Amino acid sequence: MLYFLETLLFVLIFLFGASFFSFLNVVIYRLPGKISFVGGRSFCPICGETLKGRDMIPILSYLLLRGKCRNCGAPISPRYPLVEALGGSFSVLCLRQFGNTGEGFYQITLSAVTVFAFLSILTTVAFIDIDTMEIPNGLVLAAAGCGLVSVFVFPDITLLSRIIGVFSVSVPLLLITLLIPGAFGGGDIKLMAACGLFLGWQLSLLSLFLAVLSGGLYGGGLLASGKKGRKEHFAFGPFLCAGMGIAFFCGNEILNWYLGFFQF
């Protein structure tokens, strides 16, 4: 019986996460264009037709419509169900990681909600940066707000570590940008300052390392394929966001594995 209830809970949590990230799809599309995402019905960006409820069921509607608008037949980007699937997966991950109270049943805790909110902000930042090469200041402030909440939710990361984390990545990125104009965007610098409060300095530095590694491989691939020239830029924010997500969940294991090479 307990197994059945836990399974049902995880299914409901997945549906909640997918539904919430379905809303984030709206934010990702509307926020850069300064279109209100609070009011107004969702619509097809091609024909402008207002979407019906049956066309907005996370993931399922995309599959039933075979990736096309019901009204005009225009293709729907597979990014929409991808974001929704990420939301469902993140919500389940947060519950499993931070909702186990040790009493034999998973519960929705403040720590799980805080991490889910942080991942939601990172996802929104990543996709907006992909579309526009910009990171809205409002999302940076939201990330800083999560950092403030995390001071009380995750006391194992010391306040000193958090304060150092604000500057440990943002300042080097700023100095590099001053020396090499255009090396990093101002949004990247502000984002790492805000998220440093959440992660602390060790995980912030690891996030940057992972971002530089993955971004370098991606950039090298673009150069090799001829899709980008040496002086052309690509969005670095998604790599920072992915690095921060990985560092938060796996950072201690990665650091311990790395430091193990120096133990004799």
C-alpha atoms as a PDB file:
ATOM      1  CA  MET A   1       0.000   0.000   0.000  1.00  0.00           C
ATOM      2  CA  LEU A   2       2.828   2.385   0.899  1.00  0.00           C
ATOM      3  CA  TYR A   3       4.553   1.657  -2.425  1.00  0.00           C
ATOM      4  CA  PHE A   4       1.325   2.438  -4.306  1.00  0.00           C
ATOM      5  CA  LEU A   5       0.880   5.732  -2.465  1.00  0.00           C
ATOM      6  CA  GLU A   6       4.483   6.761  -3.123  1.00  0.00           C
ATOM      7  CA  THR A   7       4.120   5.918  -6.822  1.00  0.00           C
ATOM      8  CA  LEU A   8       0.916   7.942  -7.003  1.00  0.00           C
ATOM      9  CA  LEU A   9       2.639  10.841  -5.259  1.00  0.00           C
ATOM     10  CA  PHE A  10       5.525  10.813  -7.749  1.00  0.00           C
ATOM     11  CA  VAL A  11       3.101  10.687 -10.693  1.00  0.00           C
ATOM     12  CA  LEU A  12       1.206  13.683  -9.333  1.00  0.00           C
ATOM     13  CA  ILE A  13       4.448  15.538  -8.648  1.00  0.00           C
ATOM     14  CA  PHE A  14       5.640  14.835 -12.200  1.00  0.00           C
ATOM     15  CA  LEU A  15       2.360  16.192 -13.604  1.00  0.00           C
ATOM     16  CA  PHE A  16       2.664  19.285 -11.432  1.00  0.00           C
ATOM     17  CA  GLY A  17       6.244  19.927 -12.566  1.00  0.00           C
ATOM     18  CA  ALA A  18       5.336  19.408 -16.226  1.00  0.00           C
ATOM     19  CA  SER A  19       2.347  21.761 -15.886  1.00  0.00           C
ATOM     20  CA  PHE A  20       4.415  24.432 -14.159  1.00  0.00           C
ATOM     21  CA  PHE A  21       7.118  24.242 -16.821  1.00  0.00           C
ATOM     22  CA  SER A  22       4.370  24.456 -19.448  1.00  0.00           C
ATOM     23  CA  PHE A  23       3.686  27.876 -17.932  1.00  0.00           C
ATOM     24  CA  LEU A  24       7.410  28.619 -18.077  1.00  0.00           C
ATOM     25  CA  ASN A  25       7.224  27.975 -21.831  1.00  0.00           C
ATOM     26  CA  VAL A  26       4.873  30.938 -21.944  1.00  0.00           C
ATOM     27  CA  VAL A  27       7.276  33.027 -19.860  1.00  0.00           C
ATOM     28  CA  ILE A  28      10.205  32.077 -22.109  1.00  0.00           C
ATOM     29  CA  TYR A  29       8.272  33.171 -25.191  1.00  0.00           C
ATOM     30  CA  ARG A  30       6.649  36.341 -23.823  1.00  0.00           C
ATOM     31  CA  LEU A  31       9.135  37.854 -21.376  1.00  0.00           C
ATOM     32  CA  PRO A  32      11.738  38.971 -23.964  1.00  0.00           C
ATOM     33  CA  GLY A  33       9.011  40.621 -26.034  1.00  0.00           C
ATOM     34  CA  LYS A  34       7.605  42.360 -22.929  1.00  0.00           C
ATOM     35  CA  ILE A  35       4.272  40.579 -23.408  1.00  0.00           C
ATOM     36  CA  SER A  36       2.302  39.902 -20.238  1.00  0.00           C
ATOM     37  CA  PHE A  37       2.543  36.260 -19.238  1.00  0.00           C
ATOM     38  CA  VAL A  38       0.169  36.646 -16.305  1.00  0.00           C
ATOM     39  CA  GLY A  39      -3.019  37.297 -18.270  1.00  0.00           C
ATOM     40  CA  GLY A  40      -4.247  36.347 -21.708  1.00  0.00           C
ATOM     41  CA  ARG A  41      -4.847  32.961 -23.292  1.00  0.00           C
ATOM     42  CA  SER A  42      -2.116  30.985 -24.979  1.00  0.00           C
ATOM     43  CA  PHE A  43      -2.067  31.215 -28.758  1.00  0.00           C
ATOM     44  CA  CYS A  44      -0.298  29.794 -31.778  1.00  0.00           C
ATOM     45  CA  PRO A  45       2.606  32.120 -32.638  1.00  0.00           C
ATOM     46  CA  ILE A  46       2.064  31.443 -36.364  1.00  0.00           C
ATOM     47  CA  CYS A  47      -1.689  31.854 -36.933  1.00  0.00           C
ATOM     48  CA  GLY A  48      -2.591  33.585 -33.665  1.00  0.00           C
ATOM     49  CA  GLU A  49      -5.407  31.118 -32.915  1.00  0.00           C
ATOM     50  CA  THR A  50      -6.255  30.857 -29.210  1.00  0.00           C
ATOM     51  CA  LEU A  51      -5.384  27.408 -27.913  1.00  0.00           C
ATOM     52  CA  LYS A  52      -8.064  25.268 -26.332  1.00  0.00           C
ATOM     53  CA  GLY A  53      -7.581  23.379 -23.087  1.00  0.00           C
ATOM     54  CA  ARG A  54      -7.208  20.050 -24.886  1.00  0.00           C
ATOM     55  CA  ASP A  55      -4.245  21.506 -26.804  1.00  0.00           C
ATOM     56  CA  MET A  56      -2.355  22.519 -23.676  1.00  0.00           C
ATOM     57  CA  ILE A  57      -2.028  19.221 -21.811  1.00  0.00           C
ATOM     58  CA  PRO A  58       1.710  18.954 -21.042  1.00  0.00           C
ATOM     59  CA  ILE A  59       3.578  16.551 -23.338  1.00  0.00           C
ATOM     60  CA  LEU A  60       0.399  14.615 -24.250  1.00  0.00           C
ATOM     61  CA  SER A  61      -1.102  17.339 -26.461  1.00  0.00           C
ATOM     62  CA  TYR A  62       2.095  17.551 -28.492  1.00  0.00           C
ATOM     63  CA  LEU A  63       1.995  13.798 -29.109  1.00  0.00           C
ATOM     64  CA  LEU A  64      -1.707  13.751 -29.985  1.00  0.00           C
ATOM     65  CA  LEU A  65      -1.314  16.701 -32.366  1.00  0.00           C
ATOM     66  CA  ARG A  66       1.784  15.058 -33.862  1.00  0.00           C
ATOM     67  CA  GLY A  67       3.738  18.239 -33.317  1.00  0.00           C
ATOM     68  CA  LYS A  68       1.455  20.481 -35.409  1.00  0.00           C
ATOM     69  CA  CYS A  69      -0.991  23.294 -34.694  1.00  0.00           C
ATOM     70  CA  ARG A  70      -4.594  22.043 -34.839  1.00  0.00           C
ATOM     71  CA  ASN A  71      -5.712  25.171 -36.698  1.00  0.00           C
ATOM     72  CA  CYS A  72      -2.983  26.010 -39.242  1.00  0.00           C
ATOM     73  CA  GLY A  73      -0.887  22.863 -39.281  1.00  0.00           C
ATOM     74  CA  ALA A  74       2.324  24.768 -38.521  1.00  0.00           C
ATOM     75  CA  PRO A  75       4.981  22.648 -36.764  1.00  0.00           C
ATOM     76  CA  ILE A  76       5.223  23.033 -32.996  1.00  0.00           C
ATOM     77  CA  SER A  77       8.772  23.167 -31.684  1.00  0.00           C
ATOM     78  CA  PRO A  78       9.722  19.962 -29.843  1.00  0.00           C
ATOM     79  CA  ARG A  79      11.267  22.268 -27.267  1.00  0.00           C
ATOM     80  CA  TYR A  80       7.847  22.736 -25.665  1.00  0.00           C
ATOM     81  CA  PRO A  81       7.374  19.102 -24.574  1.00  0.00           C
ATOM     82  CA  LEU A  82      11.095  18.923 -23.764  1.00  0.00           C
ATOM     83  CA  VAL A  83      10.772  21.782 -21.271  1.00  0.00           C
ATOM     84  CA  GLU A  84       7.654  20.186 -19.809  1.00  0.00           C
ATOM     85  CA  ALA A  85       9.435  16.848 -19.441  1.00  0.00           C
ATOM     86  CA  LEU A  86      12.315  18.638 -17.712  1.00  0.00           C
ATOM     87  CA  GLY A  87       9.864  20.189 -15.276  1.00  0.00           C
ATOM     88  CA  GLY A  88       8.334  16.833 -14.426  1.00  0.00           C
ATOM     89  CA  SER A  89      11.746  15.245 -14.004  1.00  0.00           C
ATOM     90  CA  PHE A  90      13.050  18.104 -11.856  1.00  0.00           C
ATOM     91  CA  SER A  91      10.039  17.958  -9.562  1.00  0.00           C
ATOM     92  CA  VAL A  92      10.482  14.204  -9.024  1.00  0.00           C
ATOM     93  CA  LEU A  93      14.236  14.643  -8.493  1.00  0.00           C
ATOM     94  CA  CYS A  94      13.689  17.368  -5.894  1.00  0.00           C
ATOM     95  CA  LEU A  95      11.145  15.265  -4.041  1.00  0.00           C
ATOM     96  CA  ARG A  96      13.386  12.199  -3.989  1.00  0.00           C
ATOM     97  CA  GLN A  97      16.460  14.188  -2.956  1.00  0.00           C
ATOM     98  CA  PHE A  98      14.946  16.554  -0.408  1.00  0.00           C
ATOM     99  CA  GLY A  99      11.517  15.172   0.443  1.00  0.00           C
ATOM    100  CA  ASN A 100      12.624  12.061   2.320  1.00  0.00           C
ATOM    101  CA  THR A 101      12.063  13.002   5.938  1.00  0.00           C
ATOM    102  CA  GLY A 102      13.181   9.615   7.259  1.00  0.00           C
ATOM    103  CA  GLU A 103       9.671   8.773   8.442  1.00  0.00           C
ATOM    104  CA  GLY A 104       8.991   6.231   5.720  1.00  0.00           C
ATOM    105  CA  PHE A 105       7.111   8.536   3.361  1.00  0.00           C
ATOM    106  CA  TYR A 106       8.106  11.338   1.013  1.00  0.00           C
ATOM    107  CA  GLN A 107       6.834  14.803   1.846  1.00  0.00           C
ATOM    108  CA  ILE A 108       6.943  18.140   0.071  1.00  0.00           C
ATOM    109  CA  THR A 109       9.499  20.131   2.049  1.00  0.00           C
ATOM    110  CA  LEU A 110      10.708  23.715   1.897  1.00  0.00           C
ATOM    111  CA  SER A 111      14.117  22.546   0.702  1.00  0.00           C
ATOM    112  CA  ALA A 112      12.534  20.610  -2.195  1.00  0.00           C
ATOM    113  CA  VAL A 113      10.436  23.636  -3.178  1.00  0.00           C
ATOM    114  CA  THR A 114      13.448  25.971  -2.971  1.00  0.00           C
ATOM    115  CA  VAL A 115      15.589  23.779  -5.225  1.00  0.00           C
ATOM    116  CA  PHE A 116      12.713  23.324  -7.681  1.00  0.00           C
ATOM    117  CA  ALA A 117      12.304  27.104  -7.842  1.00  0.00           C
ATOM    118  CA  PHE A 118      16.046  27.494  -8.458  1.00  0.00           C
ATOM    119  CA  LEU A 119      15.970  24.946 -11.292  1.00  0.00           C
ATOM    120  CA  SER A 120      12.915  26.674 -12.748  1.00  0.00           C
ATOM    121  CA  ILE A 121      14.790  29.977 -12.880  1.00  0.00           C
ATOM    122  CA  LEU A 122      17.857  28.358 -14.440  1.00  0.00           C
ATOM    123  CA  THR A 123      15.726  26.680 -17.111  1.00  0.00           C
ATOM    124  CA  THR A 124      13.970  29.930 -17.978  1.00  0.00           C
ATOM    125  CA  VAL A 125      17.287  31.786 -18.148  1.00  0.00           C
ATOM    126  CA  ALA A 126      18.853  29.121 -20.354  1.00  0.00           C
ATOM    127  CA  PHE A 127      16.145  29.098 -23.008  1.00  0.00           C
ATOM    128  CA  ILE A 128      15.681  32.871 -23.080  1.00  0.00           C
ATOM    129  CA  ASP A 129      19.436  33.246 -23.528  1.00  0.00           C
ATOM    130  CA  ILE A 130      19.346  30.756 -26.388  1.00  0.00           C
ATOM    131  CA  ASP A 131      16.615  32.790 -28.096  1.00  0.00           C
ATOM    132  CA  THR A 132      17.837  36.316 -27.424  1.00  0.00           C
ATOM    133  CA  MET A 133      21.462  36.165 -26.186  1.00  0.00           C
ATOM    134  CA  GLU A 134      20.237  38.131 -23.163  1.00  0.00           C
ATOM    135  CA  ILE A 135      19.407  37.317 -19.536  1.00  0.00           C
ATOM    136  CA  PRO A 136      16.589  39.463 -18.064  1.00  0.00           C
ATOM    137  CA  ASN A 137      17.450  41.279 -14.848  1.00  0.00           C
ATOM    138  CA  GLY A 138      14.197  40.096 -13.291  1.00  0.00           C
ATOM    139  CA  LEU A 139      15.370  36.493 -13.471  1.00  0.00           C
ATOM    140  CA  VAL A 140      18.719  37.457 -11.939  1.00  0.00           C
ATOM    141  CA  LEU A 141      16.843  39.034  -9.021  1.00  0.00           C
ATOM    142  CA  ALA A 142      14.696  35.904  -8.712  1.00  0.00           C
ATOM    143  CA  ALA A 143      17.860  33.779  -8.514  1.00  0.00           C
ATOM    144  CA  ALA A 144      19.209  36.089  -5.811  1.00  0.00           C
ATOM    145  CA  GLY A 145      15.917  35.685  -3.933  1.00  0.00           C
ATOM    146  CA  CYS A 146      16.342  31.899  -4.021  1.00  0.00           C
ATOM    147  CA  GLY A 147      19.843  32.405  -2.691  1.00  0.00           C
ATOM    148  CA  LEU A 148      18.536  34.387   0.272  1.00  0.00           C
ATOM    149  CA  VAL A 149      15.965  31.712   1.092  1.00  0.00           C
ATOM    150  CA  SER A 150      18.610  28.989   0.790  1.00  0.00           C
ATOM    151  CA  VAL A 151      20.663  30.664   3.541  1.00  0.00           C
ATOM    152  CA  PHE A 152      18.051  29.391   6.006  1.00  0.00           C
ATOM    153  CA  VAL A 153      17.074  26.209   4.163  1.00  0.00           C
ATOM    154  CA  PHE A 154      20.607  24.880   3.575  1.00  0.00           C
ATOM    155  CA  PRO A 155      22.673  26.065   6.559  1.00  0.00           C
ATOM    156  CA  ASP A 156      25.419  23.530   5.751  1.00  0.00           C
ATOM    157  CA  ILE A 157      26.689  26.032   3.164  1.00  0.00           C
ATOM    158  CA  THR A 158      28.163  28.716   5.386  1.00  0.00           C
ATOM    159  CA  LEU A 159      27.344  32.385   4.996  1.00  0.00           C
ATOM    160  CA  LEU A 160      31.028  33.152   4.367  1.00  0.00           C
ATOM    161  CA  SER A 161      31.103  30.593   1.552  1.00  0.00           C
ATOM    162  CA  ARG A 162      28.003  32.191   0.040  1.00  0.00           C
ATOM    163  CA  ILE A 163      29.438  35.707   0.227  1.00  0.00           C
ATOM    164  CA  ILE A 164      32.667  34.545  -1.409  1.00  0.00           C
ATOM    165  CA  GLY A 165      30.528  32.703  -3.959  1.00  0.00           C
ATOM    166  CA  VAL A 166      28.944  35.984  -5.044  1.00  0.00           C
ATOM    167  CA  PHE A 167      32.367  37.214  -6.197  1.00  0.00           C
ATOM    168  CA  SER A 168      34.343  34.028  -6.906  1.00  0.00           C
ATOM    169  CA  VAL A 169      33.078  33.685 -10.494  1.00  0.00           C
ATOM    170  CA  SER A 170      31.443  37.004 -11.303  1.00  0.00           C
ATOM    171  CA  VAL A 171      34.574  39.078 -10.634  1.00  0.00           C
ATOM    172  CA  PRO A 172      36.919  36.930 -12.800  1.00  0.00           C
ATOM    173  CA  LEU A 173      34.312  36.989 -15.604  1.00  0.00           C
ATOM    174  CA  LEU A 174      34.109  40.764 -15.294  1.00  0.00           C
ATOM    175  CA  LEU A 175      37.898  41.169 -15.406  1.00  0.00           C
ATOM    176  CA  ILE A 176      38.155  38.904 -18.450  1.00  0.00           C
ATOM    177  CA  THR A 177      35.428  40.907 -20.173  1.00  0.00           C
ATOM    178  CA  LEU A 178      37.231  44.176 -19.420  1.00  0.00           C
ATOM    179  CA  LEU A 179      40.420  42.762 -20.925  1.00  0.00           C
ATOM    180  CA  ILE A 180      38.640  41.057 -23.841  1.00  0.00           C
ATOM    181  CA  PRO A 181      35.479  43.023 -24.696  1.00  0.00           C
ATOM    182  CA  GLY A 182      32.590  40.740 -25.467  1.00  0.00           C
ATOM    183  CA  ALA A 183      34.174  37.666 -23.899  1.00  0.00           C
ATOM    184  CA  PHE A 184      31.180  37.297 -21.571  1.00  0.00           C
ATOM    185  CA  GLY A 185      27.851  39.055 -21.400  1.00  0.00           C
ATOM    186  CA  GLY A 186      26.777  41.252 -18.535  1.00  0.00           C
ATOM    187  CA  GLY A 187      23.893  38.870 -17.895  1.00  0.00           C
ATOM    188  CA  ASP A 188      26.299  35.968 -17.373  1.00  0.00           C
ATOM    189  CA  ILE A 189      28.260  37.985 -14.830  1.00  0.00           C
ATOM    190  CA  LYS A 190      25.177  39.093 -12.885  1.00  0.00           C
ATOM    191  CA  LEU A 191      23.697  35.603 -12.992  1.00  0.00           C
ATOM    192  CA  MET A 192      26.804  34.045 -11.446  1.00  0.00           C
ATOM    193  CA  ALA A 193      26.885  36.696  -8.749  1.00  0.00           C
ATOM    194  CA  ALA A 194      23.258  35.977  -7.839  1.00  0.00           C
ATOM    195  CA  CYS A 195      23.632  32.197  -7.995  1.00  0.00           C
ATOM    196  CA  GLY A 196      26.881  32.293  -6.015  1.00  0.00           C
ATOM    197  CA  LEU A 197      24.749  33.173  -3.004  1.00  0.00           C
ATOM    198  CA  PHE A 198      22.839  29.939  -3.506  1.00  0.00           C
ATOM    199  CA  LEU A 199      25.785  27.639  -4.272  1.00  0.00           C
ATOM    200  CA  GLY A 200      28.712  28.947  -2.249  1.00  0.00           C
ATOM    201  CA  TRP A 201      32.175  29.471  -3.712  1.00  0.00           C
ATOM    202  CA  GLN A 202      33.220  25.847  -4.235  1.00  0.00           C
ATOM    203  CA  LEU A 203      30.163  24.824  -6.240  1.00  0.00           C
ATOM    204  CA  SER A 204      30.236  28.149  -8.103  1.00  0.00           C
ATOM    205  CA  LEU A 205      33.788  27.497  -9.295  1.00  0.00           C
ATOM    206  CA  LEU A 206      32.852  23.945 -10.256  1.00  0.00           C
ATOM    207  CA  SER A 207      29.865  25.320 -12.188  1.00  0.00           C
ATOM    208  CA  LEU A 208      32.153  27.603 -14.157  1.00  0.00           C
ATOM    209  CA  PHE A 209      34.563  24.755 -14.893  1.00  0.00           C
ATOM    210  CA  LEU A 210      31.739  22.540 -16.179  1.00  0.00           C
ATOM    211  CA  ALA A 211      30.342  25.412 -18.241  1.00  0.00           C
ATOM    212  CA  VAL A 212      33.704  26.247 -19.806  1.00  0.00           C
ATOM    213  CA  LEU A 213      34.335  22.573 -20.561  1.00  0.00           C
ATOM    214  CA  SER A 214      30.948  21.909 -22.168  1.00  0.00           C
ATOM    215  CA  GLY A 215      30.787  25.329 -23.832  1.00  0.00           C
ATOM    216  CA  GLY A 216      34.269  24.874 -25.239  1.00  0.00           C
ATOM    217  CA  LEU A 217      33.335  21.510 -26.725  1.00  0.00           C
ATOM    218  CA  TYR A 218      30.165  22.999 -28.212  1.00  0.00           C
ATOM    219  CA  GLY A 219      32.010  26.013 -29.611  1.00  0.00           C
ATOM    220  CA  GLY A 220      34.700  23.765 -31.051  1.00  0.00           C
ATOM    221  CA  GLY A 221      32.020  21.717 -32.748  1.00  0.00           C
ATOM    222  CA  LEU A 222      30.477  24.833 -34.271  1.00  0.00           C
ATOM    223  CA  LEU A 223      33.863  25.967 -35.580  1.00  0.00           C
ATOM    224  CA  ALA A 224      34.675  22.544 -36.998  1.00  0.00           C
ATOM    225  CA  SER A 225      31.314  22.371 -38.775  1.00  0.00           C
ATOM    226  CA  GLY A 226      31.625  25.907 -40.136  1.00  0.00           C
ATOM    227  CA  LYS A 227      28.405  27.052 -38.451  1.00  0.00           C
ATOM    228  CA  LYS A 228      30.235  29.757 -36.496  1.00  0.00           C
ATOM    229  CA  GLY A 229      33.300  31.875 -37.154  1.00  0.00           C
ATOM    230  CA  ARG A 230      36.037  32.545 -34.613  1.00  0.00           C
ATOM    231  CA  LYS A 231      34.672  36.007 -33.783  1.00  0.00           C
ATOM    232  CA  GLU A 232      31.026  34.968 -33.573  1.00  0.00           C
ATOM    233  CA  HIS A 233      29.353  34.481 -30.208  1.00  0.00           C
ATOM    234  CA  PHE A 234      26.930  31.902 -28.874  1.00  0.00           C
ATOM    235  CA  ALA A 235      24.823  31.893 -25.728  1.00  0.00           C
ATOM    236  CA  PHE A 236      26.971  30.865 -22.761  1.00  0.00           C
ATOM    237  CA  GLY A 237      24.174  31.168 -20.193  1.00  0.00           C
ATOM    238  CA  PRO A 238      22.739  27.679 -20.889  1.00  0.00           C
ATOM    239  CA  PHE A 239      26.119  26.111 -20.115  1.00  0.00           C
ATOM    240  CA  LEU A 240      26.378  28.087 -16.880  1.00  0.00           C
ATOM    241  CA  CYS A 241      22.862  27.004 -15.905  1.00  0.00           C
ATOM    242  CA  ALA A 242      23.555  23.355 -16.695  1.00  0.00           C
ATOM    243  CA  GLY A 243      26.850  23.572 -14.797  1.00  0.00           C
ATOM    244  CA  MET A 244      25.111  24.979 -11.749  1.00  0.00           C
ATOM    245  CA  GLY A 245      22.427  22.300 -11.790  1.00  0.00           C
ATOM    246  CA  ILE A 246      25.002  19.512 -12.045  1.00  0.00           C
ATOM    247  CA  ALA A 247      27.238  21.112  -9.424  1.00  0.00           C
ATOM    248  CA  PHE A 248      24.399  21.442  -6.931  1.00  0.00           C
ATOM    249  CA  PHE A 249      23.319  17.816  -7.172  1.00  0.00           C
ATOM    250  CA  CYS A 250      26.654  16.115  -7.891  1.00  0.00           C
ATOM    251  CA  GLY A 251      29.236  18.727  -6.928  1.00  0.00           C
ATOM    252  CA  ASN A 252      30.490  17.157  -3.715  1.00  0.00           C
ATOM    253  CA  GLU A 253      30.928  13.777  -5.395  1.00  0.00           C
ATOM    254  CA  ILE A 254      32.794  15.367  -8.313  1.00  0.00           C
ATOM    255  CA  LEU A 255      35.071  17.354  -5.998  1.00  0.00           C
ATOM    256  CA  ASN A 256      35.799  14.320  -3.823  1.00  0.00           C
ATOM    257  CA  TRP A 257      36.578  12.258  -6.932  1.00  0.00           C
ATOM    258  CA  TYR A 258      38.931  14.966  -8.205  1.00  0.00           C
ATOM    259  CA  LEU A 259      40.674  15.508  -4.874  1.00  0.00           C
ATOM    260  CA  GLY A 260      41.147  11.744  -4.586  1.00  0.00           C
ATOM    261  CA  PHE A 261      43.810  11.958  -7.293  1.00  0.00           C
ATOM    262  CA  PHE A 262      45.978  14.016  -4.946  1.00  0.00           C
ATOM    263  CA  GLN A 263      45.811  11.614  -2.014  1.00  0.00           C
ATOM    264  CA  PHE A 264      48.771   9.320  -1.658  1.00  0.00           C
END
